[in-house]
Amino acid sequence: QNDFLDSRVTLLVNNDVHIGVAAPIKSLTEYFYKNADADEMLFIHKGTGTLRTLVGNIKFEYGDYLIIPRGMIYQIEFDSEDNRILYAESFHP
């Protein structure tokens, strides 16, 4: 449970959205990820880093929202090991 995907814990679920938290301690740099089923919203509660996508790199910090459209290929690189993220996956527009 070290990277962003492995550390996810889903808390609330319905037919349209999944909401959860993640506490990654290492960057998602060993592979790229694509969510083909849902748009993703990440709220950065703690930590800083870079969201790397095919359309560019986005620096983020505490308080930022990252919106990742369905089908976007990305990696998340964190600057430290102390990170907290609230995420939502939207399966319907």
N, C-alpha and C. Protein backbone atom coordinates (compact mmCIF):
# COMPACT_ATOMS: atom_id res chain seq x y z
N GLN A 1 0.83 -1.20 0.00
CA GLN A 1 0.00 0.00 0.00
C GLN A 1 0.87 1.25 0.00
N ASN A 2 1.80 1.28 -0.92
CA ASN A 2 2.73 2.39 -0.95
C ASN A 2 2.37 3.49 -1.93
N ASP A 3 1.92 3.12 -3.13
CA ASP A 3 1.66 4.17 -4.11
C ASP A 3 0.20 4.62 -4.07
N PHE A 4 -0.13 5.58 -4.93
CA PHE A 4 -1.46 6.19 -4.92
C PHE A 4 -2.57 5.17 -5.12
N LEU A 5 -2.41 4.26 -6.05
CA LEU A 5 -3.46 3.29 -6.34
C LEU A 5 -3.61 2.26 -5.24
N ASP A 6 -2.50 1.75 -4.74
CA ASP A 6 -2.54 0.72 -3.70
C ASP A 6 -3.05 1.25 -2.36
N SER A 7 -2.85 2.54 -2.10
CA SER A 7 -3.23 3.10 -0.80
C SER A 7 -4.68 3.59 -0.77
N ARG A 8 -5.39 3.50 -1.88
CA ARG A 8 -6.78 3.96 -1.92
C ARG A 8 -7.68 3.11 -1.02
N VAL A 9 -8.55 3.79 -0.28
CA VAL A 9 -9.58 3.13 0.53
C VAL A 9 -10.91 3.80 0.19
N THR A 10 -11.81 3.05 -0.43
CA THR A 10 -13.11 3.60 -0.80
C THR A 10 -14.02 3.63 0.42
N LEU A 11 -14.63 4.81 0.66
CA LEU A 11 -15.47 5.00 1.85
C LEU A 11 -16.96 5.03 1.52
N LEU A 12 -17.32 5.67 0.42
CA LEU A 12 -18.72 5.83 0.03
C LEU A 12 -18.90 5.41 -1.42
N VAL A 13 -20.00 4.69 -1.70
CA VAL A 13 -20.23 4.17 -3.04
C VAL A 13 -21.70 4.29 -3.39
N ASN A 14 -21.99 4.72 -4.62
CA ASN A 14 -23.32 4.55 -5.20
C ASN A 14 -23.15 4.27 -6.69
N ASN A 15 -24.23 4.27 -7.45
CA ASN A 15 -24.14 3.92 -8.87
C ASN A 15 -23.36 4.93 -9.70
N ASP A 16 -23.25 6.17 -9.22
CA ASP A 16 -22.63 7.24 -9.99
C ASP A 16 -21.23 7.62 -9.55
N VAL A 17 -20.91 7.44 -8.28
CA VAL A 17 -19.63 7.96 -7.77
C VAL A 17 -19.07 7.08 -6.66
N HIS A 18 -17.76 7.00 -6.60
CA HIS A 18 -17.04 6.37 -5.48
C HIS A 18 -16.19 7.45 -4.85
N ILE A 19 -16.25 7.57 -3.52
CA ILE A 19 -15.47 8.57 -2.79
C ILE A 19 -14.59 7.85 -1.78
N GLY A 20 -13.34 8.28 -1.69
CA GLY A 20 -12.43 7.62 -0.76
C GLY A 20 -11.22 8.48 -0.44
N VAL A 21 -10.29 7.88 0.27
CA VAL A 21 -9.07 8.56 0.68
C VAL A 21 -7.86 7.71 0.29
N ALA A 22 -6.71 8.37 0.21
CA ALA A 22 -5.46 7.67 -0.07
C ALA A 22 -4.35 8.34 0.72
N ALA A 23 -3.38 7.54 1.15
CA ALA A 23 -2.21 8.06 1.88
C ALA A 23 -0.94 7.45 1.28
N PRO A 24 -0.61 7.83 0.05
CA PRO A 24 0.56 7.25 -0.61
C PRO A 24 1.87 7.72 0.01
N ILE A 25 2.84 6.82 0.08
CA ILE A 25 4.16 7.20 0.61
C ILE A 25 5.23 7.16 -0.48
N LYS A 26 4.88 6.67 -1.67
CA LYS A 26 5.85 6.73 -2.77
C LYS A 26 5.14 7.15 -4.05
N SER A 27 5.92 7.61 -4.99
CA SER A 27 5.39 8.11 -6.26
C SER A 27 4.93 6.97 -7.15
N LEU A 28 4.01 7.30 -8.04
CA LEU A 28 3.49 6.35 -9.02
C LEU A 28 4.34 6.49 -10.28
N THR A 29 5.60 6.03 -10.23
CA THR A 29 6.51 6.24 -11.35
C THR A 29 6.94 4.94 -12.03
N GLU A 30 6.57 3.81 -11.48
CA GLU A 30 6.96 2.54 -12.09
C GLU A 30 6.06 2.16 -13.26
N TYR A 31 4.91 2.81 -13.36
CA TYR A 31 3.98 2.55 -14.45
C TYR A 31 3.06 3.75 -14.62
N PHE A 32 2.39 3.80 -15.76
CA PHE A 32 1.36 4.81 -16.01
C PHE A 32 0.01 4.20 -15.69
N TYR A 33 -0.98 5.04 -15.41
CA TYR A 33 -2.32 4.57 -15.06
C TYR A 33 -3.34 5.28 -15.93
N LYS A 34 -4.40 4.57 -16.28
CA LYS A 34 -5.52 5.16 -17.01
C LYS A 34 -6.81 4.59 -16.43
N ASN A 35 -7.70 5.46 -15.99
CA ASN A 35 -9.01 5.04 -15.52
C ASN A 35 -9.96 5.14 -16.72
N ALA A 36 -10.27 4.01 -17.32
CA ALA A 36 -11.11 3.98 -18.51
C ALA A 36 -12.60 4.05 -18.18
N ASP A 37 -12.95 3.93 -16.89
CA ASP A 37 -14.35 3.87 -16.49
C ASP A 37 -14.89 5.14 -15.87
N ALA A 38 -14.02 6.01 -15.33
CA ALA A 38 -14.52 7.15 -14.56
C ALA A 38 -13.62 8.37 -14.69
N ASP A 39 -14.24 9.56 -14.60
CA ASP A 39 -13.49 10.79 -14.40
C ASP A 39 -13.05 10.81 -12.95
N GLU A 40 -11.88 11.41 -12.67
CA GLU A 40 -11.37 11.43 -11.30
C GLU A 40 -11.17 12.86 -10.82
N MET A 41 -11.48 13.10 -9.56
CA MET A 41 -11.21 14.36 -8.89
C MET A 41 -10.36 14.03 -7.67
N LEU A 42 -9.20 14.68 -7.56
CA LEU A 42 -8.31 14.48 -6.41
C LEU A 42 -8.20 15.79 -5.66
N PHE A 43 -8.47 15.78 -4.36
CA PHE A 43 -8.24 16.95 -3.52
C PHE A 43 -6.98 16.66 -2.71
N ILE A 44 -5.99 17.54 -2.80
CA ILE A 44 -4.72 17.34 -2.10
C ILE A 44 -4.86 17.91 -0.70
N HIS A 45 -5.00 17.03 0.28
CA HIS A 45 -5.14 17.44 1.68
C HIS A 45 -3.78 17.66 2.34
N LYS A 46 -2.78 16.92 1.87
CA LYS A 46 -1.43 17.04 2.42
C LYS A 46 -0.43 16.57 1.38
N GLY A 47 0.66 17.32 1.21
CA GLY A 47 1.71 16.93 0.29
C GLY A 47 1.80 17.83 -0.93
N THR A 48 2.87 17.63 -1.69
CA THR A 48 3.11 18.35 -2.93
C THR A 48 3.67 17.37 -3.95
N GLY A 49 3.61 17.77 -5.22
CA GLY A 49 4.17 16.91 -6.25
C GLY A 49 3.81 17.37 -7.64
N THR A 50 3.87 16.43 -8.58
CA THR A 50 3.59 16.71 -9.98
C THR A 50 2.70 15.63 -10.57
N LEU A 51 1.64 16.05 -11.23
CA LEU A 51 0.80 15.15 -12.02
C LEU A 51 1.35 15.17 -13.44
N ARG A 52 1.82 14.03 -13.93
CA ARG A 52 2.41 13.94 -15.26
C ARG A 52 1.40 13.29 -16.21
N THR A 53 1.07 14.02 -17.29
CA THR A 53 0.13 13.52 -18.29
C THR A 53 0.74 13.69 -19.67
N LEU A 54 0.07 13.16 -20.68
CA LEU A 54 0.54 13.30 -22.06
C LEU A 54 0.39 14.73 -22.56
N VAL A 55 -0.44 15.54 -21.91
CA VAL A 55 -0.65 16.93 -22.35
C VAL A 55 0.15 17.92 -21.51
N GLY A 56 0.96 17.43 -20.58
CA GLY A 56 1.81 18.31 -19.78
C GLY A 56 1.88 17.90 -18.33
N ASN A 57 2.73 18.59 -17.59
CA ASN A 57 2.93 18.32 -16.17
C ASN A 57 2.28 19.42 -15.35
N ILE A 58 1.61 19.04 -14.26
CA ILE A 58 0.92 20.00 -13.40
C ILE A 58 1.46 19.86 -11.98
N LYS A 59 2.06 20.91 -11.46
CA LYS A 59 2.52 20.93 -10.07
C LYS A 59 1.29 21.09 -9.17
N PHE A 60 1.30 20.40 -8.02
CA PHE A 60 0.19 20.55 -7.08
C PHE A 60 0.73 20.67 -5.67
N GLU A 61 -0.13 21.20 -4.79
CA GLU A 61 0.21 21.38 -3.37
C GLU A 61 -1.07 21.31 -2.56
N TYR A 62 -0.94 21.49 -1.25
CA TYR A 62 -2.08 21.46 -0.34
C TYR A 62 -3.20 22.38 -0.84
N GLY A 63 -4.42 21.87 -0.84
CA GLY A 63 -5.58 22.66 -1.21
C GLY A 63 -5.94 22.62 -2.68
N ASP A 64 -5.12 22.00 -3.51
CA ASP A 64 -5.40 21.94 -4.95
C ASP A 64 -6.38 20.82 -5.27
N TYR A 65 -7.17 21.05 -6.32
CA TYR A 65 -8.02 20.02 -6.91
C TYR A 65 -7.41 19.63 -8.25
N LEU A 66 -7.28 18.33 -8.49
CA LEU A 66 -6.82 17.82 -9.78
C LEU A 66 -7.98 17.08 -10.43
N ILE A 67 -8.36 17.51 -11.62
CA ILE A 67 -9.44 16.86 -12.36
C ILE A 67 -8.79 16.08 -13.50
N ILE A 68 -9.02 14.77 -13.51
CA ILE A 68 -8.40 13.89 -14.51
C ILE A 68 -9.53 13.25 -15.32
N PRO A 69 -9.67 13.64 -16.59
CA PRO A 69 -10.75 13.08 -17.41
C PRO A 69 -10.59 11.57 -17.63
N ARG A 70 -11.70 10.93 -17.81
CA ARG A 70 -11.72 9.50 -18.13
C ARG A 70 -10.83 9.22 -19.34
N GLY A 71 -9.99 8.20 -19.24
CA GLY A 71 -9.13 7.82 -20.35
C GLY A 71 -7.78 8.53 -20.40
N MET A 72 -7.54 9.49 -19.50
CA MET A 72 -6.26 10.21 -19.49
C MET A 72 -5.19 9.31 -18.86
N ILE A 73 -4.06 9.17 -19.52
CA ILE A 73 -2.94 8.39 -19.00
C ILE A 73 -2.09 9.30 -18.14
N TYR A 74 -1.76 8.85 -16.90
CA TYR A 74 -1.01 9.74 -16.01
C TYR A 74 -0.14 8.98 -15.02
N GLN A 75 0.77 9.74 -14.41
CA GLN A 75 1.58 9.32 -13.26
C GLN A 75 1.49 10.42 -12.22
N ILE A 76 1.65 10.07 -10.95
CA ILE A 76 1.72 11.07 -9.88
C ILE A 76 3.06 10.92 -9.18
N GLU A 77 3.81 12.01 -9.15
CA GLU A 77 5.11 12.03 -8.48
C GLU A 77 5.00 12.93 -7.25
N PHE A 78 5.27 12.38 -6.07
CA PHE A 78 5.19 13.14 -4.82
C PHE A 78 6.58 13.62 -4.41
N ASP A 79 6.62 14.77 -3.74
CA ASP A 79 7.89 15.33 -3.27
C ASP A 79 8.32 14.75 -1.93
N SER A 80 7.38 14.15 -1.18
CA SER A 80 7.71 13.57 0.13
C SER A 80 6.91 12.29 0.33
N GLU A 81 7.06 11.67 1.50
CA GLU A 81 6.34 10.44 1.80
C GLU A 81 5.08 10.67 2.63
N ASP A 82 4.81 11.91 3.02
CA ASP A 82 3.66 12.24 3.87
C ASP A 82 2.59 12.93 3.03
N ASN A 83 1.66 12.14 2.48
CA ASN A 83 0.65 12.66 1.56
C ASN A 83 -0.74 12.16 1.96
N ARG A 84 -1.75 13.01 1.75
CA ARG A 84 -3.14 12.64 2.01
C ARG A 84 -4.00 13.19 0.87
N ILE A 85 -4.85 12.33 0.31
CA ILE A 85 -5.68 12.70 -0.83
C ILE A 85 -7.11 12.23 -0.61
N LEU A 86 -8.07 13.10 -0.91
CA LEU A 86 -9.48 12.72 -1.00
C LEU A 86 -9.77 12.58 -2.49
N TYR A 87 -10.37 11.46 -2.90
CA TYR A 87 -10.64 11.27 -4.32
C TYR A 87 -12.10 10.92 -4.55
N ALA A 88 -12.56 11.26 -5.75
CA ALA A 88 -13.90 10.88 -6.20
C ALA A 88 -13.79 10.39 -7.63
N GLU A 89 -14.44 9.27 -7.90
CA GLU A 89 -14.51 8.72 -9.25
C GLU A 89 -15.95 8.85 -9.72
N SER A 90 -16.18 9.57 -10.81
CA SER A 90 -17.52 9.78 -11.35
C SER A 90 -17.71 8.90 -12.57
N PHE A 91 -18.66 7.98 -12.48
CA PHE A 91 -18.88 7.02 -13.56
C PHE A 91 -19.90 7.49 -14.58
N HIS A 92 -20.67 8.53 -14.25
CA HIS A 92 -21.66 9.10 -15.16
C HIS A 92 -21.49 10.61 -15.18
N PRO A 93 -21.69 11.23 -16.35
CA PRO A 93 -21.50 12.69 -16.44
C PRO A 93 -22.44 13.48 -15.55
